Amino acid sequence: QHVVLYPMVSKSLRNIAAGKDPLEGQRHCCGIAQLHEHHSLGYPDLDELQKNPQPLIFDIEVLKVEEPGSYQQDPWAMTDEEKLQAVPLIHKEGNELYRQGKVHEAAAKYYDAIACLKNLQMKEQPGSPDWIELDQKITPLLLNYCQCKLQCQEYYEVLDHCSSILNKYEDNVKAYFKRGKAHAAVWNVAEAQADFAKVLALDPSLRPVVAKELRSLEARLREKDKEDKVRFKGIFSQ
């Protein structure tokens, strides 16, 4: 009975090792309810241990000892108050890394800040004032994260995140613009044009920027059309 909840703990530790939120996929409830809700933890060995609890032996290796305050805590190890205090600092670090051209490192910082706020948000009732306040803090961080992912050419992740923002905030110009760029990159032409049209409807002052993106898309389409004609030349005459 002492290790019955360990599979959930182990899944959280594996999430931490992968750089994810340790509570990913869980909801705010007691451990027994978690056990009943999760028919599979995503790991066959943990599923088996959950079905048939066994005595466990832990082999722990101390790698190093650090003085308090001499290192930056991972978000999962912070208290709720520490998370709130850390978010602006992590955000600032991400911005500085982005200015330096360290896009992957900046994305990791934005992800950490988002994880802090998401962890706090899970403890609030969806739609409550506190939940909404946290969500409004998450949104600019998520847009910064999407900007990094655009530069890393991870377009489908941008599409997912921007769509999730627009499902809640239909007037978010930045989300439409970034999603439009991602659609254009993966040849979703009609979707890209629709998103850029929405940008102009919400903020006409962005017309020069949108026009540049549309010209770039049209040029890429012409180039693709030429390549397709060469590639398929004579294919139907054989």
C-alpha atoms as a PDB file:
ATOM      1  CA  GLN A   1       0.000   0.000   0.000  1.00  0.00           C
ATOM      2  CA  HIS A   2       3.005   2.294   0.396  1.00  0.00           C
ATOM      3  CA  VAL A   3       3.882   2.285  -3.304  1.00  0.00           C
ATOM      4  CA  VAL A   4       0.414   2.165  -4.890  1.00  0.00           C
ATOM      5  CA  LEU A   5       0.731   5.783  -6.093  1.00  0.00           C
ATOM      6  CA  TYR A   6       4.313   5.412  -7.314  1.00  0.00           C
ATOM      7  CA  PRO A   7       3.381   4.879 -11.003  1.00  0.00           C
ATOM      8  CA  MET A   8       1.894   8.402 -11.059  1.00  0.00           C
ATOM      9  CA  VAL A   9       5.006   9.751  -9.342  1.00  0.00           C
ATOM     10  CA  SER A  10       7.231   7.931 -11.826  1.00  0.00           C
ATOM     11  CA  LYS A  11       5.312   9.361 -14.771  1.00  0.00           C
ATOM     12  CA  SER A  12       5.813  12.864 -13.330  1.00  0.00           C
ATOM     13  CA  LEU A  13       9.549  12.231 -12.937  1.00  0.00           C
ATOM     14  CA  ARG A  14       9.774  11.033 -16.531  1.00  0.00           C
ATOM     15  CA  ASN A  15       7.979  14.183 -17.657  1.00  0.00           C
ATOM     16  CA  ILE A  16      10.533  16.256 -15.753  1.00  0.00           C
ATOM     17  CA  ALA A  17      13.403  14.381 -17.398  1.00  0.00           C
ATOM     18  CA  ALA A  18      11.838  15.123 -20.804  1.00  0.00           C
ATOM     19  CA  GLY A  19      11.462  18.816 -19.953  1.00  0.00           C
ATOM     20  CA  LYS A  20       7.678  18.637 -19.648  1.00  0.00           C
ATOM     21  CA  ASP A  21       5.257  19.746 -16.967  1.00  0.00           C
ATOM     22  CA  PRO A  22       5.229  16.954 -14.322  1.00  0.00           C
ATOM     23  CA  LEU A  23       1.450  17.295 -14.015  1.00  0.00           C
ATOM     24  CA  GLU A  24       0.808  17.062 -17.748  1.00  0.00           C
ATOM     25  CA  GLY A  25      -2.337  15.037 -18.383  1.00  0.00           C
ATOM     26  CA  GLN A  26      -3.481  15.181 -14.764  1.00  0.00           C
ATOM     27  CA  ARG A  27      -6.292  17.140 -13.204  1.00  0.00           C
ATOM     28  CA  HIS A  28      -6.486  18.620  -9.720  1.00  0.00           C
ATOM     29  CA  CYS A  29      -7.774  15.741  -7.585  1.00  0.00           C
ATOM     30  CA  CYS A  30      -6.572  13.176  -5.055  1.00  0.00           C
ATOM     31  CA  GLY A  31      -4.164  10.393  -5.939  1.00  0.00           C
ATOM     32  CA  ILE A  32      -6.778   7.623  -5.793  1.00  0.00           C
ATOM     33  CA  ALA A  33      -8.987   9.525  -8.253  1.00  0.00           C
ATOM     34  CA  GLN A  34      -5.967   9.890 -10.532  1.00  0.00           C
ATOM     35  CA  LEU A  35      -5.481   6.119 -10.462  1.00  0.00           C
ATOM     36  CA  HIS A  36      -9.079   5.488 -11.470  1.00  0.00           C
ATOM     37  CA  GLU A  37      -8.990   8.141 -14.199  1.00  0.00           C
ATOM     38  CA  HIS A  38      -5.756   6.983 -15.869  1.00  0.00           C
ATOM     39  CA  HIS A  39      -6.355   3.539 -17.374  1.00  0.00           C
ATOM     40  CA  SER A  40      -2.961   3.835 -19.048  1.00  0.00           C
ATOM     41  CA  LEU A  41      -0.017   6.018 -18.057  1.00  0.00           C
ATOM     42  CA  GLY A  42       1.647   5.663 -21.443  1.00  0.00           C
ATOM     43  CA  TYR A  43       4.347   3.308 -20.138  1.00  0.00           C
ATOM     44  CA  PRO A  44       3.748  -0.500 -20.100  1.00  0.00           C
ATOM     45  CA  ASP A  45       5.974  -1.036 -17.042  1.00  0.00           C
ATOM     46  CA  LEU A  46       4.088   1.615 -15.041  1.00  0.00           C
ATOM     47  CA  ASP A  47       0.728   0.204 -16.159  1.00  0.00           C
ATOM     48  CA  GLU A  48       1.795  -3.219 -14.902  1.00  0.00           C
ATOM     49  CA  LEU A  49       3.030  -1.790 -11.601  1.00  0.00           C
ATOM     50  CA  GLN A  50      -0.240   0.089 -11.193  1.00  0.00           C
ATOM     51  CA  LYS A  51      -2.216  -3.132 -11.670  1.00  0.00           C
ATOM     52  CA  ASN A  52       0.088  -5.220  -9.451  1.00  0.00           C
ATOM     53  CA  PRO A  53       1.852  -3.066  -6.812  1.00  0.00           C
ATOM     54  CA  GLN A  54       5.149  -4.545  -5.599  1.00  0.00           C
ATOM     55  CA  PRO A  55       7.804  -3.638  -3.028  1.00  0.00           C
ATOM     56  CA  LEU A  56      10.295  -1.246  -4.627  1.00  0.00           C
ATOM     57  CA  ILE A  57      14.000  -0.639  -4.022  1.00  0.00           C
ATOM     58  CA  PHE A  58      15.363   2.806  -4.931  1.00  0.00           C
ATOM     59  CA  ASP A  59      19.021   3.286  -5.808  1.00  0.00           C
ATOM     60  CA  ILE A  60      19.853   7.008  -5.439  1.00  0.00           C
ATOM     61  CA  GLU A  61      23.150   8.529  -6.558  1.00  0.00           C
ATOM     62  CA  VAL A  62      24.167  11.982  -5.323  1.00  0.00           C
ATOM     63  CA  LEU A  63      25.763  13.825  -8.247  1.00  0.00           C
ATOM     64  CA  LYS A  64      26.576  17.102  -6.491  1.00  0.00           C
ATOM     65  CA  VAL A  65      25.547  19.338  -3.629  1.00  0.00           C
ATOM     66  CA  GLU A  66      24.677  22.968  -4.289  1.00  0.00           C
ATOM     67  CA  GLU A  67      24.231  25.751  -1.769  1.00  0.00           C
ATOM     68  CA  PRO A  68      20.737  27.244  -1.396  1.00  0.00           C
ATOM     69  CA  GLY A  69      20.300  30.195  -3.738  1.00  0.00           C
ATOM     70  CA  SER A  70      23.273  29.208  -5.898  1.00  0.00           C
ATOM     71  CA  TYR A  71      21.137  27.694  -8.661  1.00  0.00           C
ATOM     72  CA  GLN A  72      17.876  28.379 -10.485  1.00  0.00           C
ATOM     73  CA  GLN A  73      15.125  25.982  -9.516  1.00  0.00           C
ATOM     74  CA  ASP A  74      13.240  24.094 -12.180  1.00  0.00           C
ATOM     75  CA  PRO A  75       9.612  25.257 -12.403  1.00  0.00           C
ATOM     76  CA  TRP A  76       8.259  21.960 -11.074  1.00  0.00           C
ATOM     77  CA  ALA A  77      10.259  22.376  -7.838  1.00  0.00           C
ATOM     78  CA  MET A  78       8.988  25.886  -7.064  1.00  0.00           C
ATOM     79  CA  THR A  79       6.220  26.867  -4.688  1.00  0.00           C
ATOM     80  CA  ASP A  80       3.223  28.714  -6.149  1.00  0.00           C
ATOM     81  CA  GLU A  81       4.600  32.044  -4.920  1.00  0.00           C
ATOM     82  CA  GLU A  82       8.045  31.281  -6.360  1.00  0.00           C
ATOM     83  CA  LYS A  83       6.470  30.458  -9.728  1.00  0.00           C
ATOM     84  CA  LEU A  84       4.685  33.808  -9.886  1.00  0.00           C
ATOM     85  CA  GLN A  85       7.867  35.654  -8.951  1.00  0.00           C
ATOM     86  CA  ALA A  86       9.970  33.672 -11.433  1.00  0.00           C
ATOM     87  CA  VAL A  87       7.788  34.143 -14.527  1.00  0.00           C
ATOM     88  CA  PRO A  88       8.774  37.790 -15.292  1.00  0.00           C
ATOM     89  CA  LEU A  89      12.465  36.926 -14.800  1.00  0.00           C
ATOM     90  CA  ILE A  90      12.283  33.870 -17.049  1.00  0.00           C
ATOM     91  CA  HIS A  91      10.352  35.919 -19.629  1.00  0.00           C
ATOM     92  CA  LYS A  92      13.081  38.561 -19.585  1.00  0.00           C
ATOM     93  CA  GLU A  93      15.784  35.905 -19.985  1.00  0.00           C
ATOM     94  CA  GLY A  94      13.917  34.484 -22.972  1.00  0.00           C
ATOM     95  CA  ASN A  95      13.666  37.911 -24.604  1.00  0.00           C
ATOM     96  CA  GLU A  96      17.388  38.509 -24.145  1.00  0.00           C
ATOM     97  CA  LEU A  97      18.265  35.120 -25.640  1.00  0.00           C
ATOM     98  CA  TYR A  98      15.979  35.837 -28.595  1.00  0.00           C
ATOM     99  CA  ARG A  99      17.674  39.203 -29.197  1.00  0.00           C
ATOM    100  CA  GLN A 100      20.990  37.361 -29.216  1.00  0.00           C
ATOM    101  CA  GLY A 101      19.707  35.008 -31.897  1.00  0.00           C
ATOM    102  CA  LYS A 102      19.604  32.008 -29.543  1.00  0.00           C
ATOM    103  CA  VAL A 103      16.159  30.952 -30.659  1.00  0.00           C
ATOM    104  CA  HIS A 104      16.124  27.406 -29.277  1.00  0.00           C
ATOM    105  CA  GLU A 105      17.312  28.596 -25.857  1.00  0.00           C
ATOM    106  CA  ALA A 106      14.735  31.392 -25.873  1.00  0.00           C
ATOM    107  CA  ALA A 107      11.958  28.912 -26.694  1.00  0.00           C
ATOM    108  CA  ALA A 108      13.025  26.786 -23.710  1.00  0.00           C
ATOM    109  CA  LYS A 109      12.757  29.820 -21.410  1.00  0.00           C
ATOM    110  CA  TYR A 110       9.307  30.742 -22.700  1.00  0.00           C
ATOM    111  CA  TYR A 111       8.266  27.108 -22.237  1.00  0.00           C
ATOM    112  CA  ASP A 112       9.447  27.178 -18.600  1.00  0.00           C
ATOM    113  CA  ALA A 113       7.491  30.369 -17.916  1.00  0.00           C
ATOM    114  CA  ILE A 114       4.380  28.890 -19.537  1.00  0.00           C
ATOM    115  CA  ALA A 115       4.791  25.712 -17.468  1.00  0.00           C
ATOM    116  CA  CYS A 116       4.874  27.760 -14.259  1.00  0.00           C
ATOM    117  CA  LEU A 117       1.635  29.523 -15.121  1.00  0.00           C
ATOM    118  CA  LYS A 118      -0.072  26.401 -16.472  1.00  0.00           C
ATOM    119  CA  ASN A 119       0.735  24.613 -13.231  1.00  0.00           C
ATOM    120  CA  LEU A 120      -0.924  27.401 -11.263  1.00  0.00           C
ATOM    121  CA  GLN A 121      -3.857  27.534 -13.678  1.00  0.00           C
ATOM    122  CA  MET A 122      -4.610  23.843 -13.153  1.00  0.00           C
ATOM    123  CA  LYS A 123      -5.501  24.674  -9.554  1.00  0.00           C
ATOM    124  CA  GLU A 124      -8.167  27.174 -10.602  1.00  0.00           C
ATOM    125  CA  GLN A 125     -11.678  26.632 -11.907  1.00  0.00           C
ATOM    126  CA  PRO A 126     -11.661  27.100 -15.719  1.00  0.00           C
ATOM    127  CA  GLY A 127     -13.291  30.397 -16.589  1.00  0.00           C
ATOM    128  CA  SER A 128     -12.901  31.857 -13.103  1.00  0.00           C
ATOM    129  CA  PRO A 129     -11.343  35.341 -12.740  1.00  0.00           C
ATOM    130  CA  ASP A 130      -8.061  33.878 -11.422  1.00  0.00           C
ATOM    131  CA  TRP A 131      -7.962  31.325 -14.258  1.00  0.00           C
ATOM    132  CA  ILE A 132      -8.562  34.051 -16.852  1.00  0.00           C
ATOM    133  CA  GLU A 133      -5.895  36.298 -15.312  1.00  0.00           C
ATOM    134  CA  LEU A 134      -3.336  33.501 -15.553  1.00  0.00           C
ATOM    135  CA  ASP A 135      -4.427  32.703 -19.111  1.00  0.00           C
ATOM    136  CA  GLN A 136      -3.881  36.311 -20.145  1.00  0.00           C
ATOM    137  CA  LYS A 137      -0.338  36.064 -18.794  1.00  0.00           C
ATOM    138  CA  ILE A 138       0.238  32.811 -20.682  1.00  0.00           C
ATOM    139  CA  THR A 139      -0.898  34.193 -24.054  1.00  0.00           C
ATOM    140  CA  PRO A 140       2.004  36.629 -24.765  1.00  0.00           C
ATOM    141  CA  LEU A 141       4.507  33.986 -23.645  1.00  0.00           C
ATOM    142  CA  LEU A 142       2.888  31.463 -25.975  1.00  0.00           C
ATOM    143  CA  LEU A 143       3.053  33.940 -28.857  1.00  0.00           C
ATOM    144  CA  ASN A 144       6.769  34.470 -28.174  1.00  0.00           C
ATOM    145  CA  TYR A 145       7.198  30.699 -28.113  1.00  0.00           C
ATOM    146  CA  CYS A 146       5.402  30.482 -31.469  1.00  0.00           C
ATOM    147  CA  GLN A 147       7.721  33.115 -32.938  1.00  0.00           C
ATOM    148  CA  CYS A 148      10.672  30.923 -31.986  1.00  0.00           C
ATOM    149  CA  LYS A 149       8.975  27.874 -33.499  1.00  0.00           C
ATOM    150  CA  LEU A 150       8.375  29.787 -36.737  1.00  0.00           C
ATOM    151  CA  GLN A 151      12.089  30.435 -37.004  1.00  0.00           C
ATOM    152  CA  CYS A 152      12.795  26.783 -36.191  1.00  0.00           C
ATOM    153  CA  GLN A 153      10.393  25.814 -39.030  1.00  0.00           C
ATOM    154  CA  GLU A 154       8.153  23.869 -36.649  1.00  0.00           C
ATOM    155  CA  TYR A 155       5.053  25.160 -38.363  1.00  0.00           C
ATOM    156  CA  TYR A 156       2.442  22.664 -37.212  1.00  0.00           C
ATOM    157  CA  GLU A 157       3.178  23.430 -33.580  1.00  0.00           C
ATOM    158  CA  VAL A 158       2.598  27.111 -34.388  1.00  0.00           C
ATOM    159  CA  LEU A 159      -0.722  26.244 -36.027  1.00  0.00           C
ATOM    160  CA  ASP A 160      -1.858  24.312 -32.956  1.00  0.00           C
ATOM    161  CA  HIS A 161      -0.868  26.955 -30.412  1.00  0.00           C
ATOM    162  CA  CYS A 162      -2.170  29.942 -32.369  1.00  0.00           C
ATOM    163  CA  SER A 163      -5.473  28.175 -33.003  1.00  0.00           C
ATOM    164  CA  SER A 164      -5.803  27.470 -29.280  1.00  0.00           C
ATOM    165  CA  ILE A 165      -5.280  31.181 -28.578  1.00  0.00           C
ATOM    166  CA  LEU A 166      -7.807  32.247 -31.221  1.00  0.00           C
ATOM    167  CA  ASN A 167     -10.408  29.833 -29.871  1.00  0.00           C
ATOM    168  CA  LYS A 168     -10.386  31.994 -26.729  1.00  0.00           C
ATOM    169  CA  TYR A 169      -9.345  35.419 -28.032  1.00  0.00           C
ATOM    170  CA  GLU A 170     -10.805  36.000 -31.490  1.00  0.00           C
ATOM    171  CA  ASP A 171      -9.285  39.472 -31.830  1.00  0.00           C
ATOM    172  CA  ASN A 172      -5.641  38.512 -31.234  1.00  0.00           C
ATOM    173  CA  VAL A 173      -3.876  40.032 -34.237  1.00  0.00           C
ATOM    174  CA  LYS A 174      -0.490  38.473 -33.476  1.00  0.00           C
ATOM    175  CA  ALA A 175      -1.986  34.989 -33.350  1.00  0.00           C
ATOM    176  CA  TYR A 176      -3.656  35.473 -36.752  1.00  0.00           C
ATOM    177  CA  PHE A 177      -0.423  36.819 -38.238  1.00  0.00           C
ATOM    178  CA  LYS A 178       1.774  33.999 -36.938  1.00  0.00           C
ATOM    179  CA  ARG A 179      -0.771  31.379 -37.921  1.00  0.00           C
ATOM    180  CA  GLY A 180      -0.973  32.951 -41.373  1.00  0.00           C
ATOM    181  CA  LYS A 181       2.803  32.663 -41.769  1.00  0.00           C
ATOM    182  CA  ALA A 182       2.685  29.036 -40.630  1.00  0.00           C
ATOM    183  CA  HIS A 183      -0.163  28.234 -43.048  1.00  0.00           C
ATOM    184  CA  ALA A 184       1.798  29.855 -45.884  1.00  0.00           C
ATOM    185  CA  ALA A 185       4.890  27.822 -45.017  1.00  0.00           C
ATOM    186  CA  VAL A 186       3.001  24.520 -45.321  1.00  0.00           C
ATOM    187  CA  TRP A 187       1.130  25.563 -48.512  1.00  0.00           C
ATOM    188  CA  ASN A 188      -2.272  26.098 -46.882  1.00  0.00           C
ATOM    189  CA  VAL A 189      -2.846  29.005 -49.248  1.00  0.00           C
ATOM    190  CA  ALA A 190      -6.527  29.708 -48.629  1.00  0.00           C
ATOM    191  CA  GLU A 191      -6.055  29.493 -44.860  1.00  0.00           C
ATOM    192  CA  ALA A 192      -3.050  31.812 -44.967  1.00  0.00           C
ATOM    193  CA  GLN A 193      -4.930  34.383 -47.058  1.00  0.00           C
ATOM    194  CA  ALA A 194      -7.903  34.212 -44.668  1.00  0.00           C
ATOM    195  CA  ASP A 195      -5.674  34.792 -41.634  1.00  0.00           C
ATOM    196  CA  PHE A 196      -3.885  37.722 -43.267  1.00  0.00           C
ATOM    197  CA  ALA A 197      -7.251  39.211 -44.257  1.00  0.00           C
ATOM    198  CA  LYS A 198      -8.302  38.962 -40.619  1.00  0.00           C
ATOM    199  CA  VAL A 199      -5.105  40.767 -39.584  1.00  0.00           C
ATOM    200  CA  LEU A 200      -5.963  43.654 -41.910  1.00  0.00           C
ATOM    201  CA  ALA A 201      -9.544  43.781 -40.656  1.00  0.00           C
ATOM    202  CA  LEU A 202      -8.355  44.035 -37.055  1.00  0.00           C
ATOM    203  CA  ASP A 203      -5.384  46.354 -37.655  1.00  0.00           C
ATOM    204  CA  PRO A 204      -5.241  48.145 -41.046  1.00  0.00           C
ATOM    205  CA  SER A 205      -1.922  49.756 -40.077  1.00  0.00           C
ATOM    206  CA  LEU A 206      -0.273  46.361 -40.697  1.00  0.00           C
ATOM    207  CA  ARG A 207      -1.125  46.491 -44.424  1.00  0.00           C
ATOM    208  CA  PRO A 208       2.549  46.916 -45.553  1.00  0.00           C
ATOM    209  CA  VAL A 209       3.665  43.914 -43.474  1.00  0.00           C
ATOM    210  CA  VAL A 210       0.786  41.754 -44.693  1.00  0.00           C
ATOM    211  CA  ALA A 211       1.350  42.822 -48.302  1.00  0.00           C
ATOM    212  CA  LYS A 212       4.973  41.692 -48.002  1.00  0.00           C
ATOM    213  CA  GLU A 213       3.901  38.273 -46.719  1.00  0.00           C
ATOM    214  CA  LEU A 214       1.349  37.884 -49.510  1.00  0.00           C
ATOM    215  CA  ARG A 215       3.908  38.851 -52.166  1.00  0.00           C
ATOM    216  CA  SER A 216       6.299  36.285 -50.733  1.00  0.00           C
ATOM    217  CA  LEU A 217       3.585  33.630 -50.816  1.00  0.00           C
ATOM    218  CA  GLU A 218       2.666  34.471 -54.424  1.00  0.00           C
ATOM    219  CA  ALA A 219       6.334  34.290 -55.477  1.00  0.00           C
ATOM    220  CA  ARG A 220       6.721  30.890 -53.823  1.00  0.00           C
ATOM    221  CA  LEU A 221       3.559  29.673 -55.548  1.00  0.00           C
ATOM    222  CA  ARG A 222       4.874  30.780 -58.960  1.00  0.00           C
ATOM    223  CA  GLU A 223       8.181  29.042 -58.288  1.00  0.00           C
ATOM    224  CA  LYS A 224       6.400  25.893 -57.176  1.00  0.00           C
ATOM    225  CA  ASP A 225       4.239  25.965 -60.290  1.00  0.00           C
ATOM    226  CA  LYS A 226       7.359  26.153 -62.497  1.00  0.00           C
ATOM    227  CA  GLU A 227       8.978  23.275 -60.630  1.00  0.00           C
ATOM    228  CA  ASP A 228       5.824  21.167 -60.955  1.00  0.00           C
ATOM    229  CA  LYS A 229       5.650  21.797 -64.723  1.00  0.00           C
ATOM    230  CA  VAL A 230       9.262  20.645 -65.124  1.00  0.00           C
ATOM    231  CA  ARG A 231       8.752  17.665 -62.833  1.00  0.00           C
ATOM    232  CA  PHE A 232       5.619  16.408 -64.581  1.00  0.00           C
ATOM    233  CA  LYS A 233       6.551  17.423 -68.153  1.00  0.00           C
ATOM    234  CA  GLY A 234       5.616  14.679 -70.572  1.00  0.00           C
ATOM    235  CA  ILE A 235       4.249  12.392 -67.875  1.00  0.00           C
ATOM    236  CA  PHE A 236       0.856  12.121 -69.576  1.00  0.00           C
ATOM    237  CA  SER A 237       2.216  11.769 -73.105  1.00  0.00           C
ATOM    238  CA  GLN A 238       4.019   8.495 -72.454  1.00  0.00           C
END
